[in-house]
Amino acid sequence: MKKKVLLMGKSGSGKTSMRSIIFANYIARDTRRLGATIDVEHSHVRFLGNLVLNLWDCGGQEAFMENYFASQRENIFRNVEVLIYVFDVESRELEKDMHYYQSCLEALIQHSVDAKVFCLIHKMDLVQEDHRDKVFKEREETLKRLSRPLDCTCFKTSIWDETLYKAWSSIVYQLIPNVNILERNLLHFAEIIEADEVLLFERATFLVISHCQRKPHRDVHRFEKVSNIIKQFKLSCTKLAAQFQSMEVRNSNFAAYMDVFTPNTYVMVVCSDSTIPSAAMLINIRNARKHFEKLEHLDQARAISAITSNR
């Protein structure tokens, strides 16, 4: 099942850097050596086994942008599932940026009217911390107004913190087939083992693709922070020629277990009761693994059936 994703924005806005961090295991400081994207760079990212993101990273130099809306218009904007438009929050050419964004929307209305639109207000680390919310809200209001009659969802992002994972997890979540079934089963699993929370991470990117919560938690950004920390830890293991498979964190207030789950996911289980023996929790995870593998196979079978019936 292929989903076409357009990644657009003016040159230097940070499109290729964020793509490299999420999908190519770069760390933020290493993105400095990336060059500008020339025209359109295509990549196919396999996600959850049967979902393939057909990612079009579109170079943002003026000549390329003008060409996308003229001679390449239908080729670029046909069959688009998602448009991700990246704005450099400190751009000195905001009017031109907004003009290109509106041109993208016009092309989508013509060729892919059902596409989902996401705007990333990027490089927010460059804005003074106590001004960030105000700057983001003002930009969000402007973009939502300009996007009508289409809806856009806005995120503030930076390659230097967890906000990038928040945005991309939310975007990819929209593309996952049968995600409601997955979440119902996760909740059932959490109830059986009396867990506070269960999180499901995509294996390669460590984006959170599904979760259930049985007890409130004050930190609304915890999932993205965990994604960021664990992915960096996993990359460190790789550099040491070690294989990351599982980990456990325990103190007097909680116990958290992370382990390989299905062929395409990791699972994290968080419990307030830190007296539960590790062996018991790992047995529960192992037993649930078989059920979730069946769910994954069922999704793949449905996807193949849908493709076959559409021929």
Foldseek 3Di string as FASTA:
>chain_A
DEAEEEEEFAWPLCRVLLCCVQQVVDANVVCVPDDFDDAWDWDWGDFLNQYIYGYTHGGHYPVNLVCCLPVVLQVNQARHQEYEYGAALPDPPVVVRLVSVLSSLVSCVVHPVNHAYEYEHEPLVVPDPVCSVVSQVVVQVVVQVSNPPHGYHYFYYYSNALSSLVVVLVVVLVVDPPLVVVQVLQVVLCVVVVFQKKFKAFDRRRRTNYMDGDDDDDDPSVSSRCSVVVSVVQVVCVVVVHHDAWDWDADQQKIKIWGDAEPTIIMITIHRPRVPDPVVVVVSRNVVSVVVNVVSVVVNVVVVVVVVVVD
